[in-house]
Amino acid sequence: MKRDIFESVIDVGSGFILAILIQLLIFPLFGLYPTILDSVGIALIFTVVSMIRSAIWRWWFRRNDVRIERLFKSYK
């Protein structure tokens, strides 16, 4: 459990930092010049949405585990 939390923190944290860097490097190519604070805010929004999306998919797969197992077994 502790390892899962550690991996999630590393995953989300690195994604957050990467999002800020990408925005600062790529946005100007499209004529957008966000401040660092703007980039942090945008990255925070996308990070929260991503975490919610991941939680929903995880919940869905756990709830439908039996059906998914049957589906994969039918392809063998």
PDB file of N, CA and C in Angstrom:
ATOM      1  N   MET A   1       0.826  -1.207   0.000  1.00  0.00           N
ATOM      2  CA  MET A   1       0.000   0.000   0.000  1.00  0.00           C
ATOM      3  C   MET A   1       0.866   1.266   0.000  1.00  0.00           C
ATOM      4  N   LYS A   2       1.902   1.290   0.863  1.00  0.00           N
ATOM      5  CA  LYS A   2       2.778   2.460   0.923  1.00  0.00           C
ATOM      6  C   LYS A   2       3.508   2.654  -0.396  1.00  0.00           C
ATOM      7  N   ARG A   3       3.892   1.536  -1.023  1.00  0.00           N
ATOM      8  CA  ARG A   3       4.580   1.632  -2.312  1.00  0.00           C
ATOM      9  C   ARG A   3       3.650   2.217  -3.366  1.00  0.00           C
ATOM     10  N   ASP A   4       2.376   1.810  -3.354  1.00  0.00           N
ATOM     11  CA  ASP A   4       1.398   2.344  -4.311  1.00  0.00           C
ATOM     12  C   ASP A   4       1.253   3.849  -4.158  1.00  0.00           C
ATOM     13  N   ILE A   5       1.184   4.314  -2.924  1.00  0.00           N
ATOM     14  CA  ILE A   5       1.053   5.748  -2.660  1.00  0.00           C
ATOM     15  C   ILE A   5       2.306   6.480  -3.141  1.00  0.00           C
ATOM     16  N   PHE A   6       3.465   5.909  -2.845  1.00  0.00           N
ATOM     17  CA  PHE A   6       4.731   6.511  -3.279  1.00  0.00           C
ATOM     18  C   PHE A   6       4.783   6.611  -4.803  1.00  0.00           C
ATOM     19  N   GLU A   7       4.415   5.521  -5.481  1.00  0.00           N
ATOM     20  CA  GLU A   7       4.419   5.528  -6.950  1.00  0.00           C
ATOM     21  C   GLU A   7       3.437   6.560  -7.499  1.00  0.00           C
ATOM     22  N   SER A   8       2.278   6.684  -6.886  1.00  0.00           N
ATOM     23  CA  SER A   8       1.283   7.664  -7.331  1.00  0.00           C
ATOM     24  C   SER A   8       1.786   9.086  -7.151  1.00  0.00           C
ATOM     25  N   VAL A   9       2.430   9.355  -6.025  1.00  0.00           N
ATOM     26  CA  VAL A   9       2.962  10.699  -5.772  1.00  0.00           C
ATOM     27  C   VAL A   9       4.048  11.041  -6.794  1.00  0.00           C
ATOM     28  N   ILE A  10       4.932  10.087  -7.084  1.00  0.00           N
ATOM     29  CA  ILE A  10       5.980  10.310  -8.077  1.00  0.00           C
ATOM     30  C   ILE A  10       5.359  10.524  -9.454  1.00  0.00           C
ATOM     31  N   ASP A  11       4.366   9.708  -9.809  1.00  0.00           N
ATOM     32  CA  ASP A  11       3.702   9.811 -11.109  1.00  0.00           C
ATOM     33  C   ASP A  11       3.012  11.159 -11.267  1.00  0.00           C
ATOM     34  N   VAL A  12       2.189  11.526 -10.299  1.00  0.00           N
ATOM     35  CA  VAL A  12       1.440  12.781 -10.377  1.00  0.00           C
ATOM     36  C   VAL A  12       2.377  13.981 -10.280  1.00  0.00           C
ATOM     37  N   GLY A  13       3.336  13.920  -9.377  1.00  0.00           N
ATOM     38  CA  GLY A  13       4.271  15.032  -9.209  1.00  0.00           C
ATOM     39  C   GLY A  13       5.120  15.279 -10.445  1.00  0.00           C
ATOM     40  N   SER A  14       5.619  14.205 -11.046  1.00  0.00           N
ATOM     41  CA  SER A  14       6.426  14.380 -12.256  1.00  0.00           C
ATOM     42  C   SER A  14       5.566  14.874 -13.415  1.00  0.00           C
ATOM     43  N   GLY A  15       4.332  14.407 -13.501  1.00  0.00           N
ATOM     44  CA  GLY A  15       3.415  14.890 -14.536  1.00  0.00           C
ATOM     45  C   GLY A  15       3.108  16.365 -14.368  1.00  0.00           C
ATOM     46  N   PHE A  16       2.940  16.796 -13.131  1.00  0.00           N
ATOM     47  CA  PHE A  16       2.651  18.200 -12.830  1.00  0.00           C
ATOM     48  C   PHE A  16       3.816  19.092 -13.272  1.00  0.00           C
ATOM     49  N   ILE A  17       5.024  18.697 -12.895  1.00  0.00           N
ATOM     50  CA  ILE A  17       6.211  19.473 -13.273  1.00  0.00           C
ATOM     51  C   ILE A  17       6.405  19.466 -14.786  1.00  0.00           C
ATOM     52  N   LEU A  18       6.225  18.306 -15.389  1.00  0.00           N
ATOM     53  CA  LEU A  18       6.354  18.200 -16.848  1.00  0.00           C
ATOM     54  C   LEU A  18       5.333  19.071 -17.568  1.00  0.00           C
ATOM     55  N   ALA A  19       4.114  19.120 -17.052  1.00  0.00           N
ATOM     56  CA  ALA A  19       3.071  19.950 -17.664  1.00  0.00           C
ATOM     57  C   ALA A  19       3.464  21.430 -17.639  1.00  0.00           C
ATOM     58  N   ILE A  20       4.013  21.882 -16.526  1.00  0.00           N
ATOM     59  CA  ILE A  20       4.433  23.286 -16.425  1.00  0.00           C
ATOM     60  C   ILE A  20       5.549  23.581 -17.430  1.00  0.00           C
ATOM     61  N   LEU A  21       6.526  22.690 -17.492  1.00  0.00           N
ATOM     62  CA  LEU A  21       7.648  22.897 -18.421  1.00  0.00           C
ATOM     63  C   LEU A  21       7.178  22.885 -19.878  1.00  0.00           C
ATOM     64  N   ILE A  22       6.300  21.962 -20.207  1.00  0.00           N
ATOM     65  CA  ILE A  22       5.785  21.888 -21.580  1.00  0.00           C
ATOM     66  C   ILE A  22       5.034  23.166 -21.935  1.00  0.00           C
ATOM     67  N   GLN A  23       4.229  23.651 -21.011  1.00  0.00           N
ATOM     68  CA  GLN A  23       3.486  24.883 -21.275  1.00  0.00           C
ATOM     69  C   GLN A  23       4.433  26.056 -21.511  1.00  0.00           C
ATOM     70  N   LEU A  24       5.462  26.163 -20.693  1.00  0.00           N
ATOM     71  CA  LEU A  24       6.403  27.273 -20.838  1.00  0.00           C
ATOM     72  C   LEU A  24       7.208  27.183 -22.134  1.00  0.00           C
ATOM     73  N   LEU A  25       7.429  25.961 -22.626  1.00  0.00           N
ATOM     74  CA  LEU A  25       8.210  25.781 -23.845  1.00  0.00           C
ATOM     75  C   LEU A  25       7.360  25.754 -25.117  1.00  0.00           C
ATOM     76  N   ILE A  26       6.177  25.159 -25.051  1.00  0.00           N
ATOM     77  CA  ILE A  26       5.357  24.947 -26.247  1.00  0.00           C
ATOM     78  C   ILE A  26       4.361  26.077 -26.497  1.00  0.00           C
ATOM     79  N   PHE A  27       3.757  26.596 -25.455  1.00  0.00           N
ATOM     80  CA  PHE A  27       2.742  27.634 -25.648  1.00  0.00           C
ATOM     81  C   PHE A  27       3.238  28.818 -26.481  1.00  0.00           C
ATOM     82  N   PRO A  28       4.473  29.291 -26.259  1.00  0.00           N
ATOM     83  CA  PRO A  28       4.939  30.421 -27.075  1.00  0.00           C
ATOM     84  C   PRO A  28       4.953  30.121 -28.588  1.00  0.00           C
ATOM     85  N   LEU A  29       5.093  28.860 -28.962  1.00  0.00           N
ATOM     86  CA  LEU A  29       5.050  28.496 -30.379  1.00  0.00           C
ATOM     87  C   LEU A  29       3.676  28.777 -30.996  1.00  0.00           C
ATOM     88  N   PHE A  30       2.668  28.869 -30.128  1.00  0.00           N
ATOM     89  CA  PHE A  30       1.300  29.148 -30.565  1.00  0.00           C
ATOM     90  C   PHE A  30       0.868  30.576 -30.228  1.00  0.00           C
ATOM     91  N   GLY A  31       1.846  31.396 -29.872  1.00  0.00           N
ATOM     92  CA  GLY A  31       1.554  32.792 -29.559  1.00  0.00           C
ATOM     93  C   GLY A  31       0.975  33.000 -28.171  1.00  0.00           C
ATOM     94  N   LEU A  32       1.101  32.018 -27.305  1.00  0.00           N
ATOM     95  CA  LEU A  32       0.599  32.128 -25.930  1.00  0.00           C
ATOM     96  C   LEU A  32       1.790  32.279 -24.996  1.00  0.00           C
ATOM     97  N   TYR A  33       1.716  33.244 -24.101  1.00  0.00           N
ATOM     98  CA  TYR A  33       2.829  33.518 -23.209  1.00  0.00           C
ATOM     99  C   TYR A  33       2.345  33.555 -21.758  1.00  0.00           C
ATOM    100  N   PRO A  34       2.082  32.364 -21.189  1.00  0.00           N
ATOM    101  CA  PRO A  34       1.589  32.327 -19.810  1.00  0.00           C
ATOM    102  C   PRO A  34       2.697  32.652 -18.812  1.00  0.00           C
ATOM    103  N   THR A  35       2.292  33.240 -17.708  1.00  0.00           N
ATOM    104  CA  THR A  35       3.254  33.445 -16.623  1.00  0.00           C
ATOM    105  C   THR A  35       3.460  32.092 -15.941  1.00  0.00           C
ATOM    106  N   ILE A  36       4.456  32.017 -15.101  1.00  0.00           N
ATOM    107  CA  ILE A  36       4.692  30.764 -14.376  1.00  0.00           C
ATOM    108  C   ILE A  36       3.480  30.441 -13.505  1.00  0.00           C
ATOM    109  N   LEU A  37       2.898  31.455 -12.887  1.00  0.00           N
ATOM    110  CA  LEU A  37       1.709  31.246 -12.054  1.00  0.00           C
ATOM    111  C   LEU A  37       0.543  30.730 -12.891  1.00  0.00           C
ATOM    112  N   ASP A  38       0.355  31.286 -14.095  1.00  0.00           N
ATOM    113  CA  ASP A  38      -0.686  30.780 -14.990  1.00  0.00           C
ATOM    114  C   ASP A  38      -0.433  29.318 -15.342  1.00  0.00           C
ATOM    115  N   SER A  39       0.811  28.986 -15.645  1.00  0.00           N
ATOM    116  CA  SER A  39       1.162  27.617 -15.998  1.00  0.00           C
ATOM    117  C   SER A  39       0.909  26.653 -14.838  1.00  0.00           C
ATOM    118  N   VAL A  40       1.228  27.096 -13.632  1.00  0.00           N
ATOM    119  CA  VAL A  40       0.963  26.261 -12.455  1.00  0.00           C
ATOM    120  C   VAL A  40      -0.535  26.032 -12.304  1.00  0.00           C
ATOM    121  N   GLY A  41      -1.330  27.073 -12.490  1.00  0.00           N
ATOM    122  CA  GLY A  41      -2.785  26.941 -12.385  1.00  0.00           C
ATOM    123  C   GLY A  41      -3.358  26.001 -13.428  1.00  0.00           C
ATOM    124  N   ILE A  42      -2.897  26.139 -14.664  1.00  0.00           N
ATOM    125  CA  ILE A  42      -3.367  25.263 -15.743  1.00  0.00           C
ATOM    126  C   ILE A  42      -2.954  23.819 -15.460  1.00  0.00           C
ATOM    127  N   ALA A  43      -1.705  23.626 -15.059  1.00  0.00           N
ATOM    128  CA  ALA A  43      -1.210  22.283 -14.756  1.00  0.00           C
ATOM    129  C   ALA A  43      -1.987  21.671 -13.600  1.00  0.00           C
ATOM    130  N   LEU A  44      -2.328  22.481 -12.611  1.00  0.00           N
ATOM    131  CA  LEU A  44      -3.095  21.989 -11.466  1.00  0.00           C
ATOM    132  C   LEU A  44      -4.479  21.498 -11.904  1.00  0.00           C
ATOM    133  N   ILE A  45      -5.121  22.246 -12.775  1.00  0.00           N
ATOM    134  CA  ILE A  45      -6.435  21.838 -13.280  1.00  0.00           C
ATOM    135  C   ILE A  45      -6.330  20.499 -14.011  1.00  0.00           C
ATOM    136  N   PHE A  46      -5.369  20.386 -14.921  1.00  0.00           N
ATOM    137  CA  PHE A  46      -5.208  19.142 -15.665  1.00  0.00           C
ATOM    138  C   PHE A  46      -4.803  17.982 -14.756  1.00  0.00           C
ATOM    139  N   THR A  47      -4.011  18.252 -13.730  1.00  0.00           N
ATOM    140  CA  THR A  47      -3.602  17.214 -12.796  1.00  0.00           C
ATOM    141  C   THR A  47      -4.796  16.684 -12.015  1.00  0.00           C
ATOM    142  N   VAL A  48      -5.638  17.573 -11.530  1.00  0.00           N
ATOM    143  CA  VAL A  48      -6.831  17.153 -10.782  1.00  0.00           C
ATOM    144  C   VAL A  48      -7.769  16.350 -11.680  1.00  0.00           C
ATOM    145  N   VAL A  49      -7.980  16.822 -12.904  1.00  0.00           N
ATOM    146  CA  VAL A  49      -8.841  16.097 -13.848  1.00  0.00           C
ATOM    147  C   VAL A  49      -8.251  14.714 -14.132  1.00  0.00           C
ATOM    148  N   SER A  50      -6.952  14.633 -14.310  1.00  0.00           N
ATOM    149  CA  SER A  50      -6.293  13.367 -14.571  1.00  0.00           C
ATOM    150  C   SER A  50      -6.435  12.401 -13.400  1.00  0.00           C
ATOM    151  N   MET A  51      -6.280  12.903 -12.187  1.00  0.00           N
ATOM    152  CA  MET A  51      -6.432  12.055 -11.005  1.00  0.00           C
ATOM    153  C   MET A  51      -7.855  11.529 -10.883  1.00  0.00           C
ATOM    154  N   ILE A  52      -8.831  12.369 -11.139  1.00  0.00           N
ATOM    155  CA  ILE A  52     -10.232  11.945 -11.084  1.00  0.00           C
ATOM    156  C   ILE A  52     -10.501  10.905 -12.168  1.00  0.00           C
ATOM    157  N   ARG A  53     -10.002  11.164 -13.383  1.00  0.00           N
ATOM    158  CA  ARG A  53     -10.175  10.216 -14.489  1.00  0.00           C
ATOM    159  C   ARG A  53      -9.565   8.861 -14.131  1.00  0.00           C
ATOM    160  N   SER A  54      -8.358   8.860 -13.586  1.00  0.00           N
ATOM    161  CA  SER A  54      -7.697   7.607 -13.205  1.00  0.00           C
ATOM    162  C   SER A  54      -8.484   6.865 -12.135  1.00  0.00           C
ATOM    163  N   ALA A  55      -9.007   7.599 -11.164  1.00  0.00           N
ATOM    164  CA  ALA A  55      -9.788   6.969 -10.101  1.00  0.00           C
ATOM    165  C   ALA A  55     -11.068   6.349 -10.656  1.00  0.00           C
ATOM    166  N   ILE A  56     -11.717   7.021 -11.579  1.00  0.00           N
ATOM    167  CA  ILE A  56     -12.949   6.491 -12.180  1.00  0.00           C
ATOM    168  C   ILE A  56     -12.645   5.222 -12.977  1.00  0.00           C
ATOM    169  N   TRP A  57     -11.584   5.236 -13.783  1.00  0.00           N
ATOM    170  CA  TRP A  57     -11.228   4.039 -14.546  1.00  0.00           C
ATOM    171  C   TRP A  57     -10.844   2.899 -13.618  1.00  0.00           C
ATOM    172  N   ARG A  58     -10.076   3.193 -12.563  1.00  0.00           N
ATOM    173  CA  ARG A  58      -9.695   2.159 -11.609  1.00  0.00           C
ATOM    174  C   ARG A  58     -10.944   1.548 -10.958  1.00  0.00           C
ATOM    175  N   TRP A  59     -11.885   2.396 -10.559  1.00  0.00           N
ATOM    176  CA  TRP A  59     -13.139   1.937  -9.963  1.00  0.00           C
ATOM    177  C   TRP A  59     -13.908   1.064 -10.963  1.00  0.00           C
ATOM    178  N   TRP A  60     -13.985   1.525 -12.219  1.00  0.00           N
ATOM    179  CA  TRP A  60     -14.728   0.794 -13.240  1.00  0.00           C
ATOM    180  C   TRP A  60     -14.115  -0.578 -13.486  1.00  0.00           C
ATOM    181  N   PHE A  61     -12.776  -0.658 -13.616  1.00  0.00           N
ATOM    182  CA  PHE A  61     -12.119  -1.938 -13.864  1.00  0.00           C
ATOM    183  C   PHE A  61     -12.271  -2.877 -12.682  1.00  0.00           C
ATOM    184  N   ARG A  62     -12.183  -2.372 -11.473  1.00  0.00           N
ATOM    185  CA  ARG A  62     -12.379  -3.238 -10.299  1.00  0.00           C
ATOM    186  C   ARG A  62     -13.804  -3.757 -10.246  1.00  0.00           C
ATOM    187  N   ARG A  63     -14.736  -2.915 -10.593  1.00  0.00           N
ATOM    188  CA  ARG A  63     -16.144  -3.309 -10.563  1.00  0.00           C
ATOM    189  C   ARG A  63     -16.465  -4.329 -11.661  1.00  0.00           C
ATOM    190  N   ASN A  64     -15.773  -4.269 -12.787  1.00  0.00           N
ATOM    191  CA  ASN A  64     -16.047  -5.134 -13.933  1.00  0.00           C
ATOM    192  C   ASN A  64     -14.950  -6.176 -14.149  1.00  0.00           C
ATOM    193  N   ASP A  65     -14.220  -6.499 -13.113  1.00  0.00           N
ATOM    194  CA  ASP A  65     -13.079  -7.399 -13.214  1.00  0.00           C
ATOM    195  C   ASP A  65     -13.465  -8.764 -13.779  1.00  0.00           C
ATOM    196  N   VAL A  66     -14.574  -9.325 -13.338  1.00  0.00           N
ATOM    197  CA  VAL A  66     -14.993 -10.653 -13.778  1.00  0.00           C
ATOM    198  C   VAL A  66     -15.290 -10.639 -15.270  1.00  0.00           C
ATOM    199  N   ARG A  67     -16.009  -9.642 -15.730  1.00  0.00           N
ATOM    200  CA  ARG A  67     -16.323  -9.542 -17.162  1.00  0.00           C
ATOM    201  C   ARG A  67     -15.074  -9.358 -18.006  1.00  0.00           C
ATOM    202  N   ILE A  68     -14.140  -8.581 -17.513  1.00  0.00           N
ATOM    203  CA  ILE A  68     -12.900  -8.334 -18.249  1.00  0.00           C
ATOM    204  C   ILE A  68     -12.081  -9.623 -18.346  1.00  0.00           C
ATOM    205  N   GLU A  69     -12.003 -10.375 -17.241  1.00  0.00           N
ATOM    206  CA  GLU A  69     -11.281 -11.646 -17.249  1.00  0.00           C
ATOM    207  C   GLU A  69     -11.887 -12.601 -18.275  1.00  0.00           C
ATOM    208  N   ARG A  70     -13.215 -12.688 -18.316  1.00  0.00           N
ATOM    209  CA  ARG A  70     -13.889 -13.550 -19.301  1.00  0.00           C
ATOM    210  C   ARG A  70     -13.566 -13.107 -20.720  1.00  0.00           C
ATOM    211  N   LEU A  71     -13.528 -11.812 -20.941  1.00  0.00           N
ATOM    212  CA  LEU A  71     -13.234 -11.284 -22.270  1.00  0.00           C
ATOM    213  C   LEU A  71     -11.825 -11.681 -22.709  1.00  0.00           C
ATOM    214  N   PHE A  72     -10.840 -11.538 -21.816  1.00  0.00           N
ATOM    215  CA  PHE A  72      -9.474 -11.901 -22.179  1.00  0.00           C
ATOM    216  C   PHE A  72      -9.313 -13.393 -22.360  1.00  0.00           C
ATOM    217  N   LYS A  73     -10.011 -14.208 -21.581  1.00  0.00           N
ATOM    218  CA  LYS A  73      -9.930 -15.646 -21.725  1.00  0.00           C
ATOM    219  C   LYS A  73     -10.524 -16.109 -23.037  1.00  0.00           C
ATOM    220  N   SER A  74     -11.527 -15.394 -23.529  1.00  0.00           N
ATOM    221  CA  SER A  74     -12.154 -15.791 -24.791  1.00  0.00           C
ATOM    222  C   SER A  74     -11.260 -15.531 -25.994  1.00  0.00           C
ATOM    223  N   TYR A  75     -10.237 -14.705 -25.853  1.00  0.00           N
ATOM    224  CA  TYR A  75      -9.314 -14.417 -26.956  1.00  0.00           C
ATOM    225  C   TYR A  75      -8.123 -15.367 -26.985  1.00  0.00           C
ATOM    226  N   LYS A  76      -7.987 -16.220 -25.981  1.00  0.00           N
ATOM    227  CA  LYS A  76      -6.838 -17.149 -25.940  1.00  0.00           C
ATOM    228  C   LYS A  76      -7.052 -18.330 -26.837  1.00  0.00           C
TER     229      LYS A  76
END
